[in-house]
Amino acid sequence: MKFTLLSLVTFAGLAAAAPGFGVVPATISAALSGHPNYFATFYGKTCATQASDYLTYSLQSSVGDCLSFCDSVKGCKFVNSYIDKRSSKETEQYTCSAYSKYHYEDSATNCGGQDQTGSGQTNYITDSAGFNRIY
């Protein structure tokens, strides 16, 4: 089994990541500080997880709400939060996809590009982050 832990260290409200990961975005560190039973496996990606163990999804207003959503889904071991952009006019809600197995960066293979029915536009993914749940 592959393990990639993103170690977070917080000091005076600032979050830093393990060497080689760079600085953790505030949205990620805030979400993790309120959910100690999760660790980030990736963040800042432009592709979403695509896997056969998909359970369900929800739209939420924050990454932390995505982690709470996973807590509410029976069998959820991994949640992928991302913004699915369909147009420049829409509000930014996080799509939260729940999965029954653990996932890592290599599962983020859905980079958008799907035709949006009747609009002639294609979607794209931003701010994708993955979180494994610790039981």
Protein backbone atom coordinates (compact mmCIF):
# COMPACT_ATOMS: atom_id res chain seq x y z
CA MET A 1 0.00 0.00 0.00
CA LYS A 2 1.30 3.45 -0.90
CA PHE A 3 1.49 6.03 1.91
CA THR A 4 2.18 9.70 1.30
CA LEU A 5 1.55 11.79 4.38
CA LEU A 6 1.39 15.54 4.22
CA SER A 7 2.69 16.59 7.61
CA LEU A 8 1.30 19.89 8.81
CA VAL A 9 2.96 22.07 11.41
CA THR A 10 1.09 25.13 12.60
CA PHE A 11 2.68 28.01 14.43
CA ALA A 12 0.98 31.33 15.18
CA GLY A 13 -1.72 30.62 12.63
CA LEU A 14 0.71 29.90 9.81
CA ALA A 15 0.79 26.47 8.18
CA ALA A 16 3.86 24.88 6.65
CA ALA A 17 4.17 21.55 4.93
CA ALA A 18 6.79 18.85 5.04
CA PRO A 19 9.88 19.56 2.93
CA GLY A 20 9.16 19.38 -0.78
CA PHE A 21 5.46 20.27 -0.50
CA GLY A 22 5.71 24.05 -0.19
CA VAL A 23 3.30 26.19 1.81
CA VAL A 24 -0.14 24.73 2.46
CA PRO A 25 -2.98 26.99 1.21
CA ALA A 26 -5.09 28.57 3.97
CA THR A 27 -8.23 26.74 2.81
CA ILE A 28 -6.50 23.38 3.29
CA SER A 29 -4.87 24.15 6.66
CA ALA A 30 -8.16 25.58 8.00
CA ALA A 31 -10.08 22.48 6.90
CA LEU A 32 -7.52 20.12 8.45
CA SER A 33 -7.34 22.03 11.73
CA GLY A 34 -11.04 21.37 12.25
CA HIS A 35 -10.85 17.72 11.13
CA PRO A 36 -7.91 15.92 12.78
CA ASN A 37 -9.06 12.57 11.35
CA TYR A 38 -7.99 13.56 7.80
CA PHE A 39 -4.72 14.14 5.99
CA ALA A 40 -4.19 15.75 2.60
CA THR A 41 -2.78 13.51 -0.13
CA PHE A 42 -2.66 16.31 -2.73
CA TYR A 43 -3.84 19.88 -3.29
CA GLY A 44 -3.67 22.69 -5.85
CA LYS A 45 -4.36 20.38 -8.79
CA THR A 46 -6.35 21.03 -11.96
CA CYS A 47 -7.76 17.50 -12.18
CA ALA A 48 -10.26 15.65 -9.99
CA THR A 49 -10.19 12.05 -8.75
CA GLN A 50 -11.83 9.54 -11.04
CA ALA A 51 -12.17 6.01 -9.65
CA SER A 52 -14.52 3.01 -9.64
CA ASP A 53 -15.19 3.20 -5.88
CA TYR A 54 -17.11 6.51 -6.21
CA LEU A 55 -19.96 6.76 -3.69
CA THR A 56 -21.71 10.13 -4.11
CA TYR A 57 -21.10 13.87 -4.22
CA SER A 58 -22.33 17.11 -2.67
CA LEU A 59 -21.85 20.82 -3.30
CA GLN A 60 -20.42 22.69 -0.31
CA SER A 61 -19.18 26.19 0.50
CA SER A 62 -15.78 25.20 1.94
CA VAL A 63 -13.17 22.45 1.99
CA GLY A 64 -13.96 21.86 5.67
CA ASP A 65 -17.60 21.27 4.75
CA CYS A 66 -16.39 18.63 2.25
CA LEU A 67 -14.61 16.80 5.06
CA SER A 68 -17.78 16.97 7.20
CA PHE A 69 -19.72 15.63 4.22
CA CYS A 70 -17.40 12.61 4.03
CA ASP A 71 -18.01 12.03 7.75
CA SER A 72 -21.73 11.77 6.97
CA VAL A 73 -21.36 9.25 4.11
CA LYS A 74 -21.27 5.60 5.16
CA GLY A 75 -18.01 3.97 4.05
CA CYS A 76 -16.31 7.22 2.97
CA LYS A 77 -12.52 6.86 3.25
CA PHE A 78 -11.49 9.59 0.79
CA VAL A 79 -13.00 12.86 -0.35
CA ASN A 80 -11.90 15.02 -3.28
CA SER A 81 -12.82 18.71 -3.07
CA TYR A 82 -12.59 20.82 -6.21
CA ILE A 83 -14.20 23.67 -8.09
CA ASP A 84 -15.87 22.54 -11.30
CA LYS A 85 -15.92 25.64 -13.50
CA ARG A 86 -18.57 25.71 -16.16
CA SER A 87 -18.57 29.43 -16.87
CA SER A 88 -16.93 32.57 -15.57
CA LYS A 89 -20.26 33.83 -14.15
CA GLU A 90 -21.04 31.09 -11.65
CA THR A 91 -20.38 31.17 -7.92
CA GLU A 92 -17.54 29.09 -6.58
CA GLN A 93 -18.87 26.08 -4.71
CA TYR A 94 -16.78 23.05 -3.94
CA THR A 95 -17.78 19.75 -5.46
CA CYS A 96 -17.10 17.09 -2.84
CA SER A 97 -16.79 13.55 -4.21
CA ALA A 98 -16.78 10.66 -1.73
CA TYR A 99 -14.98 7.34 -2.33
CA SER A 100 -14.84 4.04 -0.43
CA LYS A 101 -11.08 3.50 -0.86
CA TYR A 102 -8.00 5.59 -0.13
CA HIS A 103 -6.64 7.69 -3.00
CA TYR A 104 -3.57 9.74 -3.86
CA GLU A 105 -2.49 12.25 -6.50
CA ASP A 106 -2.29 9.61 -9.24
CA SER A 107 -6.10 9.20 -9.07
CA ALA A 108 -6.66 12.82 -10.16
CA THR A 109 -7.17 12.09 -13.86
CA ASN A 110 -10.43 13.94 -14.63
CA CYS A 111 -9.18 17.30 -15.88
CA GLY A 112 -12.51 18.54 -17.20
CA GLY A 113 -13.08 19.26 -20.84
CA GLN A 114 -16.56 17.73 -20.83
CA ASP A 115 -19.08 19.45 -23.07
CA GLN A 116 -21.79 21.18 -21.03
CA THR A 117 -25.14 20.10 -22.44
CA GLY A 118 -26.59 22.71 -24.77
CA SER A 119 -24.19 25.50 -23.79
CA GLY A 120 -21.36 24.88 -26.25
CA GLN A 121 -18.90 25.36 -23.36
CA THR A 122 -16.59 22.89 -21.66
CA ASN A 123 -15.84 22.66 -17.96
CA TYR A 124 -12.49 22.79 -16.20
CA ILE A 125 -11.27 21.86 -12.71
CA THR A 126 -9.48 24.14 -10.22
CA ASP A 127 -8.33 23.88 -6.60
CA SER A 128 -8.55 20.09 -6.46
CA ALA A 129 -7.47 18.52 -3.17
CA GLY A 130 -7.65 14.97 -1.86
CA PHE A 131 -8.10 13.84 1.75
CA ASN A 132 -7.84 10.37 3.24
CA ARG A 133 -9.91 9.74 6.36
CA ILE A 134 -8.22 8.11 9.34
CA TYR A 135 -10.41 5.70 11.29
